[in-house]
């Protein structure tokens, strides 16, 4: 019977992605909640989380012995389009639809 164990590259990717994700999403929450009054600190924490996630990709690809990602105009453009679309539209929908949905639920309950 073959013994299953986690390889070093998978463990490193798991730790880096978990740490980067927690920092990024905690920073986003800090920015979106005005009661906390921690917008600037949220930007810093979200930036650190983004940096950890960006560093994770080349580190993991190096451990996998694969070729590095070639940056060209198409790759950068598609990445920027995806990030701005997800963050911009997602933030707008959260801020615009949650109060509307709460009002609908409360009025329907009455």
N, C-alpha and C. Protein backbone atom coordinates (compact mmCIF):
# COMPACT_ATOMS: atom_id res chain seq x y z
N UNK A 1 0.84 -1.18 0.00
CA UNK A 1 0.00 0.00 0.00
C UNK A 1 0.89 1.24 0.00
N UNK A 2 0.57 2.17 -0.86
CA UNK A 2 1.37 3.38 -1.00
C UNK A 2 0.98 4.39 0.08
N UNK A 3 2.01 4.93 0.74
CA UNK A 3 1.78 5.92 1.79
C UNK A 3 1.60 7.30 1.15
N UNK A 4 0.49 7.96 1.49
CA UNK A 4 0.22 9.29 0.95
C UNK A 4 0.75 10.34 1.91
N UNK A 5 1.53 11.26 1.39
CA UNK A 5 2.00 12.37 2.21
C UNK A 5 2.06 13.63 1.34
N UNK A 6 1.94 14.75 2.00
CA UNK A 6 1.95 16.02 1.28
C UNK A 6 3.38 16.37 0.89
N UNK A 7 3.53 16.76 -0.37
CA UNK A 7 4.85 17.15 -0.83
C UNK A 7 5.17 18.57 -0.36
N UNK A 8 6.46 18.88 -0.35
CA UNK A 8 6.90 20.17 0.16
C UNK A 8 6.33 21.33 -0.66
N UNK A 9 6.25 21.17 -1.97
CA UNK A 9 5.74 22.26 -2.82
C UNK A 9 4.25 22.51 -2.58
N UNK A 10 3.48 21.46 -2.35
CA UNK A 10 2.06 21.64 -2.08
C UNK A 10 1.82 22.25 -0.71
N UNK A 11 2.64 21.89 0.26
CA UNK A 11 2.52 22.46 1.59
C UNK A 11 2.85 23.95 1.57
N UNK A 12 3.92 24.32 0.88
CA UNK A 12 4.30 25.72 0.78
C UNK A 12 3.23 26.54 0.08
N UNK A 13 2.65 26.00 -0.99
CA UNK A 13 1.59 26.71 -1.69
C UNK A 13 0.35 26.85 -0.82
N UNK A 14 0.03 25.84 -0.04
CA UNK A 14 -1.13 25.90 0.85
C UNK A 14 -0.94 26.97 1.93
N UNK A 15 0.22 26.99 2.54
CA UNK A 15 0.49 27.97 3.60
C UNK A 15 0.48 29.39 3.03
N UNK A 16 1.17 29.60 1.91
CA UNK A 16 1.22 30.95 1.32
C UNK A 16 -0.15 31.42 0.86
N UNK A 17 -0.93 30.55 0.25
CA UNK A 17 -2.24 30.98 -0.23
C UNK A 17 -3.20 31.24 0.93
N UNK A 18 -3.11 30.44 1.97
CA UNK A 18 -3.98 30.68 3.13
C UNK A 18 -3.63 32.00 3.81
N UNK A 19 -2.34 32.24 4.03
CA UNK A 19 -1.92 33.49 4.68
C UNK A 19 -2.26 34.70 3.81
N UNK A 20 -1.98 34.62 2.52
CA UNK A 20 -2.29 35.73 1.63
C UNK A 20 -3.78 35.99 1.53
N UNK A 21 -4.57 34.94 1.46
CA UNK A 21 -6.02 35.09 1.38
C UNK A 21 -6.61 35.71 2.63
N UNK A 22 -6.13 35.27 3.80
CA UNK A 22 -6.64 35.84 5.05
C UNK A 22 -6.29 37.32 5.14
N UNK A 23 -5.05 37.67 4.83
CA UNK A 23 -4.65 39.08 4.89
C UNK A 23 -5.44 39.93 3.90
N UNK A 24 -5.60 39.42 2.67
CA UNK A 24 -6.32 40.18 1.65
C UNK A 24 -7.78 40.41 2.05
N UNK A 25 -8.46 39.37 2.47
CA UNK A 25 -9.88 39.51 2.77
C UNK A 25 -10.13 40.25 4.09
N UNK A 26 -9.22 40.14 5.05
CA UNK A 26 -9.35 40.95 6.25
C UNK A 26 -9.16 42.43 5.91
N UNK A 27 -8.21 42.72 5.02
CA UNK A 27 -8.02 44.10 4.57
C UNK A 27 -9.23 44.64 3.84
N UNK A 28 -9.85 43.81 3.02
CA UNK A 28 -11.06 44.23 2.31
C UNK A 28 -12.18 44.52 3.30
N UNK A 29 -12.34 43.65 4.29
CA UNK A 29 -13.39 43.88 5.30
C UNK A 29 -13.13 45.15 6.09
N UNK A 30 -11.87 45.40 6.42
CA UNK A 30 -11.54 46.62 7.16
C UNK A 30 -11.85 47.86 6.34
N UNK A 31 -11.68 47.78 5.03
CA UNK A 31 -11.97 48.94 4.18
C UNK A 31 -13.47 49.15 4.01
N UNK A 32 -14.25 48.10 3.99
CA UNK A 32 -15.67 48.21 3.69
C UNK A 32 -16.54 48.52 4.91
N UNK A 33 -16.00 48.39 6.09
CA UNK A 33 -16.81 48.63 7.29
C UNK A 33 -16.43 49.98 7.89
N UNK A 34 -17.26 51.00 7.69
CA UNK A 34 -16.90 52.33 8.18
C UNK A 34 -16.90 52.44 9.71
N UNK A 35 -17.61 51.58 10.40
CA UNK A 35 -17.64 51.64 11.87
C UNK A 35 -16.28 51.32 12.49
N UNK A 36 -15.48 50.54 11.79
CA UNK A 36 -14.17 50.17 12.32
C UNK A 36 -13.19 51.35 12.23
N UNK A 37 -13.42 52.25 11.29
CA UNK A 37 -12.56 53.41 11.08
C UNK A 37 -11.10 52.99 10.84
N UNK A 38 -10.92 51.95 10.02
CA UNK A 38 -9.58 51.44 9.73
C UNK A 38 -9.35 51.31 8.23
N UNK A 39 -9.78 52.32 7.48
CA UNK A 39 -9.66 52.24 6.02
C UNK A 39 -8.19 52.17 5.59
N UNK A 40 -7.36 53.06 6.14
CA UNK A 40 -5.95 53.10 5.74
C UNK A 40 -5.23 51.80 6.12
N UNK A 41 -5.49 51.30 7.32
CA UNK A 41 -4.88 50.04 7.74
C UNK A 41 -5.38 48.87 6.89
N UNK A 42 -6.65 48.94 6.47
CA UNK A 42 -7.19 47.91 5.60
C UNK A 42 -6.52 47.91 4.24
N UNK A 43 -6.22 49.10 3.72
CA UNK A 43 -5.49 49.17 2.45
C UNK A 43 -4.11 48.55 2.57
N UNK A 44 -3.44 48.83 3.66
CA UNK A 44 -2.10 48.27 3.87
C UNK A 44 -2.18 46.75 4.01
N UNK A 45 -3.12 46.25 4.80
CA UNK A 45 -3.24 44.82 4.99
C UNK A 45 -3.66 44.11 3.71
N UNK A 46 -4.58 44.69 2.96
CA UNK A 46 -4.97 44.11 1.68
C UNK A 46 -3.83 44.10 0.69
N UNK A 47 -3.02 45.16 0.70
CA UNK A 47 -1.85 45.21 -0.18
C UNK A 47 -0.83 44.14 0.17
N UNK A 48 -0.62 43.91 1.47
CA UNK A 48 0.31 42.86 1.89
C UNK A 48 -0.21 41.49 1.47
N UNK A 49 -1.51 41.27 1.64
CA UNK A 49 -2.10 40.00 1.21
C UNK A 49 -1.99 39.79 -0.28
N UNK A 50 -2.22 40.84 -1.05
CA UNK A 50 -2.06 40.75 -2.51
C UNK A 50 -0.62 40.44 -2.88
N UNK A 51 0.31 41.08 -2.17
CA UNK A 51 1.73 40.84 -2.45
C UNK A 51 2.11 39.39 -2.14
N UNK A 52 1.61 38.86 -1.03
CA UNK A 52 1.90 37.46 -0.70
C UNK A 52 1.35 36.53 -1.77
N UNK A 53 0.14 36.81 -2.25
CA UNK A 53 -0.45 35.96 -3.29
C UNK A 53 0.30 36.10 -4.61
N UNK A 54 0.79 37.30 -4.93
CA UNK A 54 1.57 37.48 -6.14
C UNK A 54 2.93 36.79 -6.06
N UNK A 55 3.55 36.79 -4.88
CA UNK A 55 4.83 36.12 -4.70
C UNK A 55 4.65 34.60 -4.74
N UNK A 56 3.48 34.13 -4.32
CA UNK A 56 3.23 32.70 -4.27
C UNK A 56 3.31 32.04 -5.65
N UNK A 57 2.85 32.71 -6.67
CA UNK A 57 2.80 32.10 -8.01
C UNK A 57 4.19 31.73 -8.53
N UNK A 58 5.16 32.65 -8.57
CA UNK A 58 6.48 32.24 -9.05
C UNK A 58 7.18 31.25 -8.13
N UNK A 59 6.96 31.36 -6.82
CA UNK A 59 7.58 30.40 -5.90
C UNK A 59 7.05 28.99 -6.18
N UNK A 60 5.75 28.86 -6.34
CA UNK A 60 5.17 27.55 -6.59
C UNK A 60 5.60 27.00 -7.95
N UNK A 61 5.61 27.88 -8.96
CA UNK A 61 6.04 27.41 -10.28
C UNK A 61 7.50 26.99 -10.27
N UNK A 62 8.33 27.67 -9.46
CA UNK A 62 9.73 27.26 -9.34
C UNK A 62 9.88 25.92 -8.66
N UNK A 63 9.03 25.65 -7.67
CA UNK A 63 9.09 24.36 -6.99
C UNK A 63 8.57 23.23 -7.87
N UNK A 64 7.69 23.56 -8.81
CA UNK A 64 7.16 22.56 -9.74
C UNK A 64 8.08 22.33 -10.93
N UNK A 65 9.14 23.14 -11.04
CA UNK A 65 10.07 23.08 -12.18
C UNK A 65 9.36 23.32 -13.51
N UNK A 66 8.47 24.28 -13.54
CA UNK A 66 7.79 24.65 -14.78
C UNK A 66 8.34 25.99 -15.26
N UNK A 67 8.04 26.31 -16.49
CA UNK A 67 8.53 27.57 -17.05
C UNK A 67 7.81 28.74 -16.39
N UNK A 68 8.51 29.85 -16.20
CA UNK A 68 7.85 31.02 -15.62
C UNK A 68 6.81 31.60 -16.56
N UNK A 69 5.89 32.34 -15.98
CA UNK A 69 4.84 32.99 -16.78
C UNK A 69 5.48 34.13 -17.56
N UNK A 70 5.24 34.16 -18.86
CA UNK A 70 5.75 35.25 -19.69
C UNK A 70 4.77 36.41 -19.64
N UNK A 71 5.26 37.56 -19.24
CA UNK A 71 4.42 38.74 -19.19
C UNK A 71 4.45 39.45 -20.54
N UNK A 72 3.31 39.50 -21.18
CA UNK A 72 3.18 40.30 -22.39
C UNK A 72 1.95 41.18 -22.23
N UNK A 73 1.67 41.99 -23.20
CA UNK A 73 0.57 42.95 -23.09
C UNK A 73 -0.77 42.24 -22.91
N UNK A 74 -0.97 41.12 -23.58
CA UNK A 74 -2.24 40.40 -23.50
C UNK A 74 -2.46 39.84 -22.09
N UNK A 75 -1.43 39.23 -21.51
CA UNK A 75 -1.54 38.66 -20.17
C UNK A 75 -1.81 39.75 -19.13
N UNK A 76 -1.08 40.85 -19.21
CA UNK A 76 -1.27 41.94 -18.25
C UNK A 76 -2.66 42.56 -18.42
N UNK A 77 -3.09 42.76 -19.67
CA UNK A 77 -4.41 43.33 -19.92
C UNK A 77 -5.54 42.46 -19.41
N UNK A 78 -5.45 41.16 -19.67
CA UNK A 78 -6.50 40.25 -19.19
C UNK A 78 -6.52 40.16 -17.67
N UNK A 79 -5.35 40.18 -17.05
CA UNK A 79 -5.30 40.15 -15.59
C UNK A 79 -5.91 41.41 -14.99
N UNK A 80 -5.54 42.57 -15.53
CA UNK A 80 -6.11 43.82 -15.03
C UNK A 80 -7.61 43.90 -15.24
N UNK A 81 -8.07 43.42 -16.40
CA UNK A 81 -9.50 43.43 -16.67
C UNK A 81 -10.24 42.53 -15.68
N UNK A 82 -9.70 41.36 -15.41
CA UNK A 82 -10.34 40.46 -14.46
C UNK A 82 -10.36 41.00 -13.05
N UNK A 83 -9.25 41.58 -12.60
CA UNK A 83 -9.17 42.10 -11.24
C UNK A 83 -10.10 43.30 -11.07
N UNK A 84 -10.04 44.25 -12.00
CA UNK A 84 -10.90 45.42 -11.87
C UNK A 84 -12.37 45.05 -12.00
N UNK A 85 -12.68 44.12 -12.86
CA UNK A 85 -14.06 43.69 -13.01
C UNK A 85 -14.58 43.01 -11.76
N UNK A 86 -13.78 42.11 -11.22
CA UNK A 86 -14.22 41.38 -10.03
C UNK A 86 -14.32 42.30 -8.82
N UNK A 87 -13.31 43.12 -8.61
CA UNK A 87 -13.33 43.98 -7.43
C UNK A 87 -14.30 45.14 -7.58
N UNK A 88 -14.29 45.78 -8.72
CA UNK A 88 -15.17 46.93 -8.92
C UNK A 88 -16.63 46.54 -8.94
N UNK A 89 -16.99 45.59 -9.77
CA UNK A 89 -18.38 45.18 -9.87
C UNK A 89 -18.83 44.49 -8.59
N UNK A 90 -17.95 43.66 -8.02
CA UNK A 90 -18.32 42.97 -6.78
C UNK A 90 -18.57 43.94 -5.64
N UNK A 91 -17.70 44.93 -5.50
CA UNK A 91 -17.88 45.91 -4.42
C UNK A 91 -19.14 46.74 -4.65
N UNK A 92 -19.39 47.13 -5.89
CA UNK A 92 -20.60 47.90 -6.18
C UNK A 92 -21.86 47.10 -5.89
N UNK A 93 -21.86 45.83 -6.28
CA UNK A 93 -23.04 45.01 -6.06
C UNK A 93 -23.27 44.77 -4.57
N UNK A 94 -22.21 44.56 -3.81
CA UNK A 94 -22.36 44.35 -2.38
C UNK A 94 -22.91 45.60 -1.71
N UNK A 95 -22.34 46.76 -2.04
CA UNK A 95 -22.76 47.99 -1.40
C UNK A 95 -24.15 48.43 -1.85
N UNK A 96 -24.52 48.12 -3.08
CA UNK A 96 -25.81 48.58 -3.60
C UNK A 96 -26.95 47.61 -3.29
N UNK A 97 -26.69 46.30 -3.35
CA UNK A 97 -27.78 45.34 -3.25
C UNK A 97 -28.09 44.90 -1.84
N UNK A 98 -27.13 44.89 -0.92
CA UNK A 98 -27.41 44.41 0.43
C UNK A 98 -28.44 45.30 1.15
N UNK A 99 -28.30 46.64 1.11
CA UNK A 99 -29.36 47.44 1.77
C UNK A 99 -30.73 47.25 1.11
N UNK A 100 -30.74 47.10 -0.21
CA UNK A 100 -32.00 46.90 -0.92
C UNK A 100 -32.62 45.57 -0.52
N UNK A 101 -31.79 44.52 -0.43
CA UNK A 101 -32.31 43.21 -0.05
C UNK A 101 -32.81 43.22 1.39
N UNK A 102 -32.07 43.89 2.29
CA UNK A 102 -32.53 43.98 3.68
C UNK A 102 -33.86 44.70 3.78
N UNK A 103 -34.01 45.78 3.05
CA UNK A 103 -35.28 46.53 3.08
C UNK A 103 -36.42 45.67 2.57
N UNK A 104 -36.17 44.89 1.52
CA UNK A 104 -37.20 44.01 0.97
C UNK A 104 -37.59 42.93 1.97
N UNK A 105 -36.61 42.33 2.60
CA UNK A 105 -36.89 41.27 3.57
C UNK A 105 -37.64 41.81 4.78
N UNK A 106 -37.22 42.96 5.27
CA UNK A 106 -37.88 43.54 6.44
C UNK A 106 -39.31 43.95 6.10
N UNK A 107 -39.51 44.57 4.93
CA UNK A 107 -40.87 44.98 4.56
C UNK A 107 -41.76 43.78 4.27
N UNK A 108 -41.20 42.70 3.75
CA UNK A 108 -41.99 41.50 3.50
C UNK A 108 -42.36 40.82 4.81
N UNK A 109 -41.51 40.92 5.81
CA UNK A 109 -41.80 40.30 7.10
C UNK A 109 -42.90 41.05 7.85
N UNK A 110 -43.03 42.34 7.57
CA UNK A 110 -44.04 43.13 8.28
C UNK A 110 -45.35 42.89 7.62
